[in-house]
């Protein structure tokens, strides 16, 4: 006798239990379909233009071109001396070209054998250099780092600059300017002023003897220029870019105290030499400057550096030259300085005109 089977009641599919792994598979497929649908209807990304790529510079690439020179010797602080932007300012390319062409013409005309130029707008990263690595005898330019080394001592030792010393020179010492009163006592402050502003070699000899050579050695190391060896019979040489560092640390006032930095620049601004960078500049504004001249064999070298406090846009200019006739070198410094100065005047006039038109 057959038993009748009892049929299980039919369960609708939406009420059936679905295994968990099927739910995962279905979810993944749905997500993929949704992504493809959105991607198909999304507009294609715009291709950046060449100008947009040029103007869009990441902070990392901006910072990678800047190097900071800091002082050492402190437990925690690292005082900033100056920063170097590796790339020259392309907005100065026209001015650099004019200066370079002038130098080439002067060479072809036999007035100079070589010339180097360093220009920097002191309140901006803008700079350029021509023949930046050429070496020149420092000559009287050496008096500036000697002054800085003495002012380092003055920062540590109050009253140091008021110390009185005898103004005298060894027998047969070569005087280059009208000396102060021989046999009279002057303060070290007065000696520094005569050494720098008048380029007095007797005062320089005295200052060197009263300078702490440890400070001088430290200074050269801190600003990252080659060391000085007093036993080296060759004259100390430098480049325009390296020598510019001494003027830059004075302007930034991050190496000496603010008072000593200001004293140094005031002393440089009192220079009585007007045959170089300042000769053709008739407008009245301060220029802190120092020159150096040396005849070596059949050649002469003339160099000068200055900070030009022109209105609200101070700039630094350094020119170093060499030629067979020292008399030809002075006009070269005159002309290059005038080229730069006229450009700065033009820029300021354009800036004022633009501001007035706004």
C-alpha atoms as a PDB file:
ATOM      1  CA  UNK A   1       0.000   0.000   0.000  1.00  0.00           C
ATOM      2  CA  UNK A   2       1.516   3.259  -1.168  1.00  0.00           C
ATOM      3  CA  UNK A   3       1.900   5.997   1.284  1.00  0.00           C
ATOM      4  CA  UNK A   4       0.879   9.356   0.042  1.00  0.00           C
ATOM      5  CA  UNK A   5       3.816  11.836   0.201  1.00  0.00           C
ATOM      6  CA  UNK A   6       3.087  14.998   1.974  1.00  0.00           C
ATOM      7  CA  UNK A   7       4.312  17.869  -0.176  1.00  0.00           C
ATOM      8  CA  UNK A   8       6.206  20.618   1.553  1.00  0.00           C
ATOM      9  CA  UNK A   9       4.593  23.971   1.177  1.00  0.00           C
ATOM     10  CA  UNK A  10       6.136  26.085  -1.601  1.00  0.00           C
ATOM     11  CA  UNK A  11       8.230  29.009  -0.208  1.00  0.00           C
ATOM     12  CA  UNK A  12       8.463  32.114  -2.388  1.00  0.00           C
ATOM     13  CA  UNK A  13      12.050  32.864  -3.560  1.00  0.00           C
ATOM     14  CA  UNK A  14      12.151  36.218  -1.805  1.00  0.00           C
ATOM     15  CA  UNK A  15      11.563  34.388   1.458  1.00  0.00           C
ATOM     16  CA  UNK A  16      14.252  31.810   0.893  1.00  0.00           C
ATOM     17  CA  UNK A  17      17.478  32.047   2.856  1.00  0.00           C
ATOM     18  CA  UNK A  18      20.455  32.917   0.614  1.00  0.00           C
ATOM     19  CA  UNK A  19      23.905  31.660   1.625  1.00  0.00           C
ATOM     20  CA  UNK A  20      26.289  34.418   2.888  1.00  0.00           C
ATOM     21  CA  UNK A  21      28.901  33.872   0.176  1.00  0.00           C
ATOM     22  CA  UNK A  22      26.284  34.556  -2.513  1.00  0.00           C
ATOM     23  CA  UNK A  23      25.456  37.847  -0.838  1.00  0.00           C
ATOM     24  CA  UNK A  24      29.142  38.861  -0.981  1.00  0.00           C
ATOM     25  CA  UNK A  25      29.433  37.955  -4.660  1.00  0.00           C
ATOM     26  CA  UNK A  26      26.268  39.858  -5.568  1.00  0.00           C
ATOM     27  CA  UNK A  27      27.466  42.926  -3.621  1.00  0.00           C
ATOM     28  CA  UNK A  28      30.818  42.989  -5.423  1.00  0.00           C
ATOM     29  CA  UNK A  29      29.176  42.672  -8.832  1.00  0.00           C
ATOM     30  CA  UNK A  30      26.779  45.523  -8.050  1.00  0.00           C
ATOM     31  CA  UNK A  31      29.618  47.773  -6.873  1.00  0.00           C
ATOM     32  CA  UNK A  32      31.591  47.092 -10.062  1.00  0.00           C
ATOM     33  CA  UNK A  33      28.608  47.843 -12.307  1.00  0.00           C
ATOM     34  CA  UNK A  34      27.959  51.112 -10.458  1.00  0.00           C
ATOM     35  CA  UNK A  35      31.630  52.242 -10.793  1.00  0.00           C
ATOM     36  CA  UNK A  36      31.686  51.481 -14.536  1.00  0.00           C
ATOM     37  CA  UNK A  37      28.450  53.337 -15.065  1.00  0.00           C
ATOM     38  CA  UNK A  38      29.715  56.435 -13.279  1.00  0.00           C
ATOM     39  CA  UNK A  39      33.082  56.299 -15.058  1.00  0.00           C
ATOM     40  CA  UNK A  40      31.396  56.125 -18.452  1.00  0.00           C
ATOM     41  CA  UNK A  41      29.405  59.291 -17.757  1.00  0.00           C
ATOM     42  CA  UNK A  42      32.243  61.273 -16.139  1.00  0.00           C
ATOM     43  CA  UNK A  43      33.929  63.949 -18.292  1.00  0.00           C
ATOM     44  CA  UNK A  44      37.528  63.228 -19.254  1.00  0.00           C
ATOM     45  CA  UNK A  45      40.076  65.206 -17.184  1.00  0.00           C
ATOM     46  CA  UNK A  46      41.335  68.323 -18.957  1.00  0.00           C
ATOM     47  CA  UNK A  47      44.921  68.156 -20.198  1.00  0.00           C
ATOM     48  CA  UNK A  48      46.881  71.007 -18.562  1.00  0.00           C
ATOM     49  CA  UNK A  49      48.302  73.556 -20.930  1.00  0.00           C
ATOM     50  CA  UNK A  50      52.029  74.262 -21.100  1.00  0.00           C
ATOM     51  CA  UNK A  51      51.565  77.603 -19.333  1.00  0.00           C
ATOM     52  CA  UNK A  52      49.517  76.002 -16.565  1.00  0.00           C
ATOM     53  CA  UNK A  53      52.232  73.383 -15.991  1.00  0.00           C
ATOM     54  CA  UNK A  54      54.834  76.151 -15.797  1.00  0.00           C
ATOM     55  CA  UNK A  55      52.853  78.208 -13.279  1.00  0.00           C
ATOM     56  CA  UNK A  56      51.888  75.261 -11.085  1.00  0.00           C
ATOM     57  CA  UNK A  57      54.962  74.623  -8.939  1.00  0.00           C
ATOM     58  CA  UNK A  58      54.793  72.410  -5.894  1.00  0.00           C
ATOM     59  CA  UNK A  59      56.103  73.756  -2.568  1.00  0.00           C
ATOM     60  CA  UNK A  60      58.705  71.000  -2.570  1.00  0.00           C
ATOM     61  CA  UNK A  61      60.221  72.131  -5.880  1.00  0.00           C
ATOM     62  CA  UNK A  62      60.228  75.744  -4.692  1.00  0.00           C
ATOM     63  CA  UNK A  63      62.035  74.880  -1.494  1.00  0.00           C
ATOM     64  CA  UNK A  64      64.520  72.537  -3.153  1.00  0.00           C
ATOM     65  CA  UNK A  65      66.226  75.506  -4.826  1.00  0.00           C
ATOM     66  CA  UNK A  66      66.905  77.338  -1.560  1.00  0.00           C
ATOM     67  CA  UNK A  67      69.878  76.664   0.674  1.00  0.00           C
ATOM     68  CA  UNK A  68      70.144  78.153   4.139  1.00  0.00           C
ATOM     69  CA  UNK A  69      73.481  79.087   5.675  1.00  0.00           C
ATOM     70  CA  UNK A  70      73.283  79.016   9.466  1.00  0.00           C
ATOM     71  CA  UNK A  71      75.683  79.518  12.352  1.00  0.00           C
ATOM     72  CA  UNK A  72      76.800  76.607  14.468  1.00  0.00           C
ATOM     73  CA  UNK A  73      78.195  76.467  17.988  1.00  0.00           C
ATOM     74  CA  UNK A  74      74.913  76.782  19.890  1.00  0.00           C
ATOM     75  CA  UNK A  75      73.105  74.087  21.832  1.00  0.00           C
ATOM     76  CA  UNK A  76      69.703  74.570  20.225  1.00  0.00           C
ATOM     77  CA  UNK A  77      69.596  77.741  18.110  1.00  0.00           C
ATOM     78  CA  UNK A  78      70.824  77.839  14.528  1.00  0.00           C
ATOM     79  CA  UNK A  79      70.933  81.557  13.612  1.00  0.00           C
ATOM     80  CA  UNK A  80      70.284  82.224   9.928  1.00  0.00           C
ATOM     81  CA  UNK A  81      73.055  84.153   8.151  1.00  0.00           C
ATOM     82  CA  UNK A  82      71.609  84.212   4.650  1.00  0.00           C
ATOM     83  CA  UNK A  83      69.844  82.003   2.127  1.00  0.00           C
ATOM     84  CA  UNK A  84      70.942  81.149  -1.379  1.00  0.00           C
ATOM     85  CA  UNK A  85      68.460  80.674  -4.199  1.00  0.00           C
ATOM     86  CA  UNK A  86      70.241  78.414  -6.674  1.00  0.00           C
ATOM     87  CA  UNK A  87      68.516  79.671  -9.806  1.00  0.00           C
ATOM     88  CA  UNK A  88      69.065  83.196 -11.085  1.00  0.00           C
ATOM     89  CA  UNK A  89      66.015  85.403 -11.490  1.00  0.00           C
ATOM     90  CA  UNK A  90      65.002  85.210 -15.148  1.00  0.00           C
ATOM     91  CA  UNK A  91      63.383  88.625 -14.923  1.00  0.00           C
ATOM     92  CA  UNK A  92      66.951  89.957 -14.642  1.00  0.00           C
ATOM     93  CA  UNK A  93      68.089  88.146 -17.799  1.00  0.00           C
ATOM     94  CA  UNK A  94      67.904  91.358 -19.848  1.00  0.00           C
ATOM     95  CA  UNK A  95      70.072  93.296 -17.387  1.00  0.00           C
ATOM     96  CA  UNK A  96      72.549  90.422 -17.162  1.00  0.00           C
ATOM     97  CA  UNK A  97      72.769  90.307 -20.961  1.00  0.00           C
ATOM     98  CA  UNK A  98      73.574  94.030 -21.161  1.00  0.00           C
ATOM     99  CA  UNK A  99      76.288  93.686 -18.499  1.00  0.00           C
ATOM    100  CA  UNK A 100      77.744  90.576 -20.182  1.00  0.00           C
ATOM    101  CA  UNK A 101      77.845  92.274 -23.572  1.00  0.00           C
ATOM    102  CA  UNK A 102      79.570  95.288 -22.054  1.00  0.00           C
ATOM    103  CA  UNK A 103      82.245  93.043 -20.518  1.00  0.00           C
ATOM    104  CA  UNK A 104      82.775  91.236 -23.834  1.00  0.00           C
ATOM    105  CA  UNK A 105      83.187  94.566 -25.632  1.00  0.00           C
ATOM    106  CA  UNK A 106      85.658  95.790 -22.995  1.00  0.00           C
ATOM    107  CA  UNK A 107      87.679  92.591 -23.427  1.00  0.00           C
ATOM    108  CA  UNK A 108      87.761  92.921 -27.204  1.00  0.00           C
ATOM    109  CA  UNK A 109      88.844  96.535 -26.860  1.00  0.00           C
ATOM    110  CA  UNK A 110      91.770  95.521 -24.653  1.00  0.00           C
ATOM    111  CA  UNK A 111      90.569  97.482 -21.628  1.00  0.00           C
ATOM    112  CA  UNK A 112      90.245  94.406 -19.409  1.00  0.00           C
ATOM    113  CA  UNK A 113      91.338  90.809 -19.380  1.00  0.00           C
ATOM    114  CA  UNK A 114      88.493  89.596 -17.187  1.00  0.00           C
ATOM    115  CA  UNK A 115      85.598  90.892 -15.121  1.00  0.00           C
ATOM    116  CA  UNK A 116      83.049  89.369 -12.755  1.00  0.00           C
ATOM    117  CA  UNK A 117      79.797  90.863 -11.508  1.00  0.00           C
ATOM    118  CA  UNK A 118      77.403  89.954  -8.703  1.00  0.00           C
ATOM    119  CA  UNK A 119      74.042  91.700  -8.379  1.00  0.00           C
ATOM    120  CA  UNK A 120      71.338  91.073  -5.791  1.00  0.00           C
ATOM    121  CA  UNK A 121      68.128  92.794  -4.780  1.00  0.00           C
ATOM    122  CA  UNK A 122      68.576  92.630  -1.041  1.00  0.00           C
ATOM    123  CA  UNK A 123      64.922  92.443  -0.032  1.00  0.00           C
ATOM    124  CA  UNK A 124      64.072  89.671  -2.479  1.00  0.00           C
ATOM    125  CA  UNK A 125      65.592  86.390  -3.745  1.00  0.00           C
ATOM    126  CA  UNK A 126      66.495  88.024  -7.103  1.00  0.00           C
ATOM    127  CA  UNK A 127      70.126  87.850  -8.177  1.00  0.00           C
ATOM    128  CA  UNK A 128      72.459  87.155 -11.083  1.00  0.00           C
ATOM    129  CA  UNK A 129      76.200  86.736 -11.562  1.00  0.00           C
ATOM    130  CA  UNK A 130      78.578  87.011 -14.504  1.00  0.00           C
ATOM    131  CA  UNK A 131      81.750  84.885 -14.412  1.00  0.00           C
ATOM    132  CA  UNK A 132      80.862  83.893 -10.865  1.00  0.00           C
ATOM    133  CA  UNK A 133      83.786  81.531 -10.251  1.00  0.00           C
ATOM    134  CA  UNK A 134      86.677  83.742 -11.377  1.00  0.00           C
ATOM    135  CA  UNK A 135      89.231  84.368  -8.614  1.00  0.00           C
ATOM    136  CA  UNK A 136      90.672  87.821  -7.829  1.00  0.00           C
ATOM    137  CA  UNK A 137      93.151  89.153  -5.286  1.00  0.00           C
ATOM    138  CA  UNK A 138      91.184  90.470  -2.324  1.00  0.00           C
ATOM    139  CA  UNK A 139      93.624  93.328  -1.547  1.00  0.00           C
ATOM    140  CA  UNK A 140      91.938  96.015   0.602  1.00  0.00           C
ATOM    141  CA  UNK A 141      88.612  94.194   0.442  1.00  0.00           C
ATOM    142  CA  UNK A 142      90.225  92.005   3.097  1.00  0.00           C
ATOM    143  CA  UNK A 143      89.721  94.848   5.590  1.00  0.00           C
ATOM    144  CA  UNK A 144      85.985  94.149   5.801  1.00  0.00           C
ATOM    145  CA  UNK A 145      86.271  90.637   7.314  1.00  0.00           C
ATOM    146  CA  UNK A 146      88.968  92.000   9.651  1.00  0.00           C
ATOM    147  CA  UNK A 147      86.463  94.632  10.813  1.00  0.00           C
ATOM    148  CA  UNK A 148      83.781  91.973  11.287  1.00  0.00           C
ATOM    149  CA  UNK A 149      86.143  89.802  13.349  1.00  0.00           C
ATOM    150  CA  UNK A 150      86.926  92.779  15.595  1.00  0.00           C
ATOM    151  CA  UNK A 151      83.225  93.547  16.024  1.00  0.00           C
ATOM    152  CA  UNK A 152      82.675  89.919  17.014  1.00  0.00           C
ATOM    153  CA  UNK A 153      85.003  90.647  19.917  1.00  0.00           C
ATOM    154  CA  UNK A 154      83.169  93.895  20.667  1.00  0.00           C
ATOM    155  CA  UNK A 155      79.909  91.949  20.983  1.00  0.00           C
ATOM    156  CA  UNK A 156      81.526  89.687  23.587  1.00  0.00           C
ATOM    157  CA  UNK A 157      83.568  92.319  25.415  1.00  0.00           C
ATOM    158  CA  UNK A 158      81.908  95.645  26.306  1.00  0.00           C
ATOM    159  CA  UNK A 159      84.336  98.526  26.077  1.00  0.00           C
ATOM    160  CA  UNK A 160      86.598  96.727  23.602  1.00  0.00           C
ATOM    161  CA  UNK A 161      86.180  99.416  20.926  1.00  0.00           C
ATOM    162  CA  UNK A 162      87.022 102.157  23.432  1.00  0.00           C
ATOM    163  CA  UNK A 163      90.441 100.702  24.110  1.00  0.00           C
ATOM    164  CA  UNK A 164      93.162 103.180  23.111  1.00  0.00           C
ATOM    165  CA  UNK A 165      96.142 102.014  21.065  1.00  0.00           C
ATOM    166  CA  UNK A 166      99.188 103.730  19.624  1.00  0.00           C
ATOM    167  CA  UNK A 167      99.032 104.772  15.989  1.00  0.00           C
ATOM    168  CA  UNK A 168     102.439 103.835  14.668  1.00  0.00           C
ATOM    169  CA  UNK A 169     103.990 101.783  11.886  1.00  0.00           C
ATOM    170  CA  UNK A 170     107.099  99.640  11.540  1.00  0.00           C
ATOM    171  CA  UNK A 171     110.154 101.252   9.945  1.00  0.00           C
ATOM    172  CA  UNK A 172     109.757 101.427   6.177  1.00  0.00           C
ATOM    173  CA  UNK A 173     106.001 100.670   6.250  1.00  0.00           C
ATOM    174  CA  UNK A 174     104.336 101.715   2.996  1.00  0.00           C
ATOM    175  CA  UNK A 175     101.662 104.360   3.565  1.00  0.00           C
ATOM    176  CA  UNK A 176      98.854 104.470   1.030  1.00  0.00           C
ATOM    177  CA  UNK A 177      96.884 107.466   2.360  1.00  0.00           C
ATOM    178  CA  UNK A 178      97.607 110.522   4.465  1.00  0.00           C
ATOM    179  CA  UNK A 179      98.193 108.901   7.864  1.00  0.00           C
ATOM    180  CA  UNK A 180      96.653 109.913  11.138  1.00  0.00           C
ATOM    181  CA  UNK A 181      98.975 111.534  13.661  1.00  0.00           C
ATOM    182  CA  UNK A 182     101.921 109.187  14.209  1.00  0.00           C
ATOM    183  CA  UNK A 183     102.571 108.564  17.888  1.00  0.00           C
ATOM    184  CA  UNK A 184      99.047 109.505  18.952  1.00  0.00           C
ATOM    185  CA  UNK A 185      96.659 107.153  20.742  1.00  0.00           C
ATOM    186  CA  UNK A 186      93.327 106.339  19.120  1.00  0.00           C
ATOM    187  CA  UNK A 187      90.487 104.049  20.121  1.00  0.00           C
ATOM    188  CA  UNK A 188      89.998 100.780  18.249  1.00  0.00           C
ATOM    189  CA  UNK A 189      86.721 102.246  17.015  1.00  0.00           C
ATOM    190  CA  UNK A 190      88.648 105.099  15.390  1.00  0.00           C
ATOM    191  CA  UNK A 191      91.195 102.630  13.995  1.00  0.00           C
ATOM    192  CA  UNK A 192      88.435 100.597  12.356  1.00  0.00           C
ATOM    193  CA  UNK A 193      86.926 103.724  10.808  1.00  0.00           C
ATOM    194  CA  UNK A 194      90.272 104.793   9.362  1.00  0.00           C
ATOM    195  CA  UNK A 195      91.037 101.267   8.148  1.00  0.00           C
ATOM    196  CA  UNK A 196      87.726 100.893   6.299  1.00  0.00           C
ATOM    197  CA  UNK A 197      86.486 104.369   5.365  1.00  0.00           C
ATOM    198  CA  UNK A 198      89.954 105.645   4.364  1.00  0.00           C
ATOM    199  CA  UNK A 199      91.494 102.234   3.530  1.00  0.00           C
ATOM    200  CA  UNK A 200      94.360 103.174   5.872  1.00  0.00           C
ATOM    201  CA  UNK A 201      97.042 100.461   5.784  1.00  0.00           C
ATOM    202  CA  UNK A 202      98.691 101.581   9.023  1.00  0.00           C
ATOM    203  CA  UNK A 203      95.350 101.301  10.824  1.00  0.00           C
ATOM    204  CA  UNK A 204      94.839  97.934   9.099  1.00  0.00           C
ATOM    205  CA  UNK A 205      98.160  96.648  10.419  1.00  0.00           C
ATOM    206  CA  UNK A 206      97.243  97.763  13.944  1.00  0.00           C
ATOM    207  CA  UNK A 207      93.729  96.300  13.750  1.00  0.00           C
ATOM    208  CA  UNK A 208      95.134  92.966  12.577  1.00  0.00           C
ATOM    209  CA  UNK A 209      97.420  92.868  15.625  1.00  0.00           C
ATOM    210  CA  UNK A 210      94.541  93.614  18.018  1.00  0.00           C
ATOM    211  CA  UNK A 211      92.109  91.235  16.315  1.00  0.00           C
ATOM    212  CA  UNK A 212      91.439  87.792  17.766  1.00  0.00           C
ATOM    213  CA  UNK A 213      92.506  85.472  14.921  1.00  0.00           C
ATOM    214  CA  UNK A 214      90.189  82.773  16.280  1.00  0.00           C
ATOM    215  CA  UNK A 215      87.237  85.049  15.447  1.00  0.00           C
ATOM    216  CA  UNK A 216      88.637  85.650  11.971  1.00  0.00           C
ATOM    217  CA  UNK A 217      89.033  81.919  11.325  1.00  0.00           C
ATOM    218  CA  UNK A 218      85.528  81.233  12.629  1.00  0.00           C
ATOM    219  CA  UNK A 219      84.056  83.963  10.408  1.00  0.00           C
ATOM    220  CA  UNK A 220      85.503  82.475   7.220  1.00  0.00           C
ATOM    221  CA  UNK A 221      84.251  79.026   8.222  1.00  0.00           C
ATOM    222  CA  UNK A 222      80.778  80.261   9.144  1.00  0.00           C
ATOM    223  CA  UNK A 223      80.180  82.043   5.843  1.00  0.00           C
ATOM    224  CA  UNK A 224      81.688  79.091   3.973  1.00  0.00           C
ATOM    225  CA  UNK A 225      84.610  80.712   2.191  1.00  0.00           C
ATOM    226  CA  UNK A 226      88.089  79.244   1.938  1.00  0.00           C
ATOM    227  CA  UNK A 227      90.319  79.535   5.023  1.00  0.00           C
ATOM    228  CA  UNK A 228      93.165  82.017   5.306  1.00  0.00           C
ATOM    229  CA  UNK A 229      96.685  80.766   5.964  1.00  0.00           C
ATOM    230  CA  UNK A 230      99.010  83.496   7.195  1.00  0.00           C
ATOM    231  CA  UNK A 231     102.015  81.395   6.176  1.00  0.00           C
ATOM    232  CA  UNK A 232     100.844  81.139   2.564  1.00  0.00           C
ATOM    233  CA  UNK A 233     103.012  83.464   0.483  1.00  0.00           C
ATOM    234  CA  UNK A 234     100.340  83.700  -2.221  1.00  0.00           C
ATOM    235  CA  UNK A 235      97.826  86.500  -1.881  1.00  0.00           C
ATOM    236  CA  UNK A 236      94.342  85.555  -0.726  1.00  0.00           C
ATOM    237  CA  UNK A 237      91.861  85.382  -3.589  1.00  0.00           C
ATOM    238  CA  UNK A 238      88.091  85.158  -3.745  1.00  0.00           C
ATOM    239  CA  UNK A 239      85.149  85.252  -6.157  1.00  0.00           C
ATOM    240  CA  UNK A 240      82.352  87.811  -6.411  1.00  0.00           C
ATOM    241  CA  UNK A 241      79.792  85.394  -4.994  1.00  0.00           C
ATOM    242  CA  UNK A 242      81.934  84.394  -2.025  1.00  0.00           C
ATOM    243  CA  UNK A 243      82.949  87.927  -1.121  1.00  0.00           C
ATOM    244  CA  UNK A 244      79.342  89.122  -1.307  1.00  0.00           C
ATOM    245  CA  UNK A 245      78.623  87.028   1.799  1.00  0.00           C
ATOM    246  CA  UNK A 246      80.407  89.515   4.069  1.00  0.00           C
ATOM    247  CA  UNK A 247      78.132  92.342   2.947  1.00  0.00           C
ATOM    248  CA  UNK A 248      75.065  90.134   3.148  1.00  0.00           C
ATOM    249  CA  UNK A 249      75.615  89.110   6.780  1.00  0.00           C
ATOM    250  CA  UNK A 250      76.073  92.764   7.720  1.00  0.00           C
ATOM    251  CA  UNK A 251      72.856  93.782   5.957  1.00  0.00           C
ATOM    252  CA  UNK A 252      70.901  90.886   7.483  1.00  0.00           C
ATOM    253  CA  UNK A 253      72.389  91.593  10.940  1.00  0.00           C
ATOM    254  CA  UNK A 254      72.248  87.906  11.830  1.00  0.00           C
ATOM    255  CA  UNK A 255      75.918  87.407  12.592  1.00  0.00           C
ATOM    256  CA  UNK A 256      76.897  90.428  14.660  1.00  0.00           C
ATOM    257  CA  UNK A 257      74.515  92.249  16.958  1.00  0.00           C
ATOM    258  CA  UNK A 258      72.229  94.761  15.292  1.00  0.00           C
ATOM    259  CA  UNK A 259      74.264  97.609  16.789  1.00  0.00           C
ATOM    260  CA  UNK A 260      77.595  96.276  15.501  1.00  0.00           C
ATOM    261  CA  UNK A 261      76.143  95.446  12.074  1.00  0.00           C
ATOM    262  CA  UNK A 262      74.820  98.986  11.802  1.00  0.00           C
ATOM    263  CA  UNK A 263      78.160 100.442  12.913  1.00  0.00           C
ATOM    264  CA  UNK A 264      79.958  98.398  10.236  1.00  0.00           C
ATOM    265  CA  UNK A 265      77.621  99.561   7.471  1.00  0.00           C
ATOM    266  CA  UNK A 266      77.809 103.196   8.600  1.00  0.00           C
ATOM    267  CA  UNK A 267      81.600 102.918   8.491  1.00  0.00           C
ATOM    268  CA  UNK A 268      81.442 101.489   4.961  1.00  0.00           C
ATOM    269  CA  UNK A 269      79.041 104.262   3.944  1.00  0.00           C
ATOM    270  CA  UNK A 270      81.647 106.834   5.057  1.00  0.00           C
ATOM    271  CA  UNK A 271      84.151 105.617   2.432  1.00  0.00           C
ATOM    272  CA  UNK A 272      86.027 108.457   0.745  1.00  0.00           C
ATOM    273  CA  UNK A 273      86.673 106.463  -2.453  1.00  0.00           C
ATOM    274  CA  UNK A 274      84.456 107.746  -5.266  1.00  0.00           C
ATOM    275  CA  UNK A 275      86.327 106.638  -8.360  1.00  0.00           C
ATOM    276  CA  UNK A 276      84.530 103.333  -8.873  1.00  0.00           C
ATOM    277  CA  UNK A 277      80.909 102.255  -8.452  1.00  0.00           C
ATOM    278  CA  UNK A 278      79.693 105.655  -7.230  1.00  0.00           C
ATOM    279  CA  UNK A 279      81.426 107.984  -9.694  1.00  0.00           C
ATOM    280  CA  UNK A 280      78.531 108.420 -12.149  1.00  0.00           C
ATOM    281  CA  UNK A 281      75.715 108.291  -9.599  1.00  0.00           C
ATOM    282  CA  UNK A 282      74.641 111.818  -8.813  1.00  0.00           C
ATOM    283  CA  UNK A 283      71.504 111.158  -6.758  1.00  0.00           C
ATOM    284  CA  UNK A 284      72.028 111.469  -3.015  1.00  0.00           C
ATOM    285  CA  UNK A 285      71.430 108.260  -1.074  1.00  0.00           C
ATOM    286  CA  UNK A 286      73.676 106.143   1.202  1.00  0.00           C
ATOM    287  CA  UNK A 287      76.051 103.617  -0.374  1.00  0.00           C
ATOM    288  CA  UNK A 288      78.030 101.315   1.945  1.00  0.00           C
ATOM    289  CA  UNK A 289      81.071 100.270  -0.061  1.00  0.00           C
ATOM    290  CA  UNK A 290      84.648  99.012  -0.066  1.00  0.00           C
ATOM    291  CA  UNK A 291      87.225  98.788  -2.856  1.00  0.00           C
ATOM    292  CA  UNK A 292      90.462  96.909  -3.341  1.00  0.00           C
ATOM    293  CA  UNK A 293      93.275  97.656  -5.785  1.00  0.00           C
ATOM    294  CA  UNK A 294      96.401  95.627  -6.435  1.00  0.00           C
ATOM    295  CA  UNK A 295      99.142  95.652  -9.048  1.00  0.00           C
ATOM    296  CA  UNK A 296     100.505  92.138  -9.478  1.00  0.00           C
ATOM    297  CA  UNK A 297     103.343  91.826 -11.976  1.00  0.00           C
ATOM    298  CA  UNK A 298     102.254  93.325 -15.276  1.00  0.00           C
ATOM    299  CA  UNK A 299      98.573  93.188 -14.371  1.00  0.00           C
ATOM    300  CA  UNK A 300      96.337  95.255 -12.151  1.00  0.00           C
ATOM    301  CA  UNK A 301      93.156  94.266 -10.339  1.00  0.00           C
ATOM    302  CA  UNK A 302      90.432  96.617  -9.168  1.00  0.00           C
ATOM    303  CA  UNK A 303      87.360  95.451  -7.268  1.00  0.00           C
ATOM    304  CA  UNK A 304      84.555  97.118  -5.367  1.00  0.00           C
ATOM    305  CA  UNK A 305      81.411  96.040  -3.552  1.00  0.00           C
ATOM    306  CA  UNK A 306      78.577  98.232  -2.411  1.00  0.00           C
ATOM    307  CA  UNK A 307      75.102  98.226  -0.896  1.00  0.00           C
ATOM    308  CA  UNK A 308      73.024 100.896  -2.633  1.00  0.00           C
ATOM    309  CA  UNK A 309      70.190 102.132  -0.406  1.00  0.00           C
ATOM    310  CA  UNK A 310      68.189 103.380  -3.359  1.00  0.00           C
ATOM    311  CA  UNK A 311      64.733 104.474  -2.164  1.00  0.00           C
ATOM    312  CA  UNK A 312      62.859 101.406  -0.974  1.00  0.00           C
ATOM    313  CA  UNK A 313      64.651  98.869  -3.163  1.00  0.00           C
ATOM    314  CA  UNK A 314      68.219  98.412  -1.842  1.00  0.00           C
ATOM    315  CA  UNK A 315      70.561  96.338  -3.954  1.00  0.00           C
ATOM    316  CA  UNK A 316      74.090  95.022  -3.783  1.00  0.00           C
ATOM    317  CA  UNK A 317      76.580  95.220  -6.622  1.00  0.00           C
ATOM    318  CA  UNK A 318      80.067  93.757  -6.728  1.00  0.00           C
ATOM    319  CA  UNK A 319      82.479  94.149  -9.648  1.00  0.00           C
ATOM    320  CA  UNK A 320      85.934  92.541  -9.824  1.00  0.00           C
ATOM    321  CA  UNK A 321      88.251  93.290 -12.748  1.00  0.00           C
ATOM    322  CA  UNK A 322      91.733  92.541 -14.074  1.00  0.00           C
ATOM    323  CA  UNK A 323      93.691  94.204 -16.862  1.00  0.00           C
ATOM    324  CA  UNK A 324      97.151  95.211 -18.017  1.00  0.00           C
ATOM    325  CA  UNK A 325      96.468  98.900 -17.340  1.00  0.00           C
ATOM    326  CA  UNK A 326      94.929  99.857 -14.007  1.00  0.00           C
ATOM    327  CA  UNK A 327      93.681 103.178 -15.383  1.00  0.00           C
ATOM    328  CA  UNK A 328      91.334 101.314 -17.747  1.00  0.00           C
ATOM    329  CA  UNK A 329      89.671  99.441 -14.903  1.00  0.00           C
ATOM    330  CA  UNK A 330      88.096 102.443 -13.176  1.00  0.00           C
ATOM    331  CA  UNK A 331      85.797 103.354 -16.126  1.00  0.00           C
ATOM    332  CA  UNK A 332      84.659  99.729 -16.306  1.00  0.00           C
ATOM    333  CA  UNK A 333      83.418  99.876 -12.709  1.00  0.00           C
ATOM    334  CA  UNK A 334      81.834 103.291 -13.449  1.00  0.00           C
ATOM    335  CA  UNK A 335      79.971 102.008 -16.499  1.00  0.00           C
ATOM    336  CA  UNK A 336      78.711  98.719 -15.048  1.00  0.00           C
ATOM    337  CA  UNK A 337      77.426 100.499 -11.947  1.00  0.00           C
ATOM    338  CA  UNK A 338      75.631 103.079 -14.106  1.00  0.00           C
ATOM    339  CA  UNK A 339      74.037 100.348 -16.250  1.00  0.00           C
ATOM    340  CA  UNK A 340      72.627  98.684 -13.125  1.00  0.00           C
ATOM    341  CA  UNK A 341      71.581 101.959 -11.515  1.00  0.00           C
ATOM    342  CA  UNK A 342      69.698 103.148 -14.616  1.00  0.00           C
ATOM    343  CA  UNK A 343      67.847  99.833 -14.735  1.00  0.00           C
ATOM    344  CA  UNK A 344      66.820 100.190 -11.087  1.00  0.00           C
ATOM    345  CA  UNK A 345      65.598 103.730 -11.745  1.00  0.00           C
ATOM    346  CA  UNK A 346      63.580 102.541 -14.734  1.00  0.00           C
ATOM    347  CA  UNK A 347      61.988  99.752 -12.698  1.00  0.00           C
ATOM    348  CA  UNK A 348      60.995 102.128  -9.922  1.00  0.00           C
ATOM    349  CA  UNK A 349      59.519 104.660 -12.355  1.00  0.00           C
ATOM    350  CA  UNK A 350      57.503 101.886 -14.026  1.00  0.00           C
ATOM    351  CA  UNK A 351      56.309 100.647 -10.635  1.00  0.00           C
ATOM    352  CA  UNK A 352      55.200 104.140  -9.579  1.00  0.00           C
ATOM    353  CA  UNK A 353      53.437 104.725 -12.908  1.00  0.00           C
ATOM    354  CA  UNK A 354      51.637 101.388 -12.630  1.00  0.00           C
ATOM    355  CA  UNK A 355      50.498 102.148  -9.053  1.00  0.00           C
ATOM    356  CA  UNK A 356      49.209 105.568 -10.105  1.00  0.00           C
ATOM    357  CA  UNK A 357      47.241 104.083 -13.003  1.00  0.00           C
ATOM    358  CA  UNK A 358      45.447 101.539 -10.841  1.00  0.00           C
END
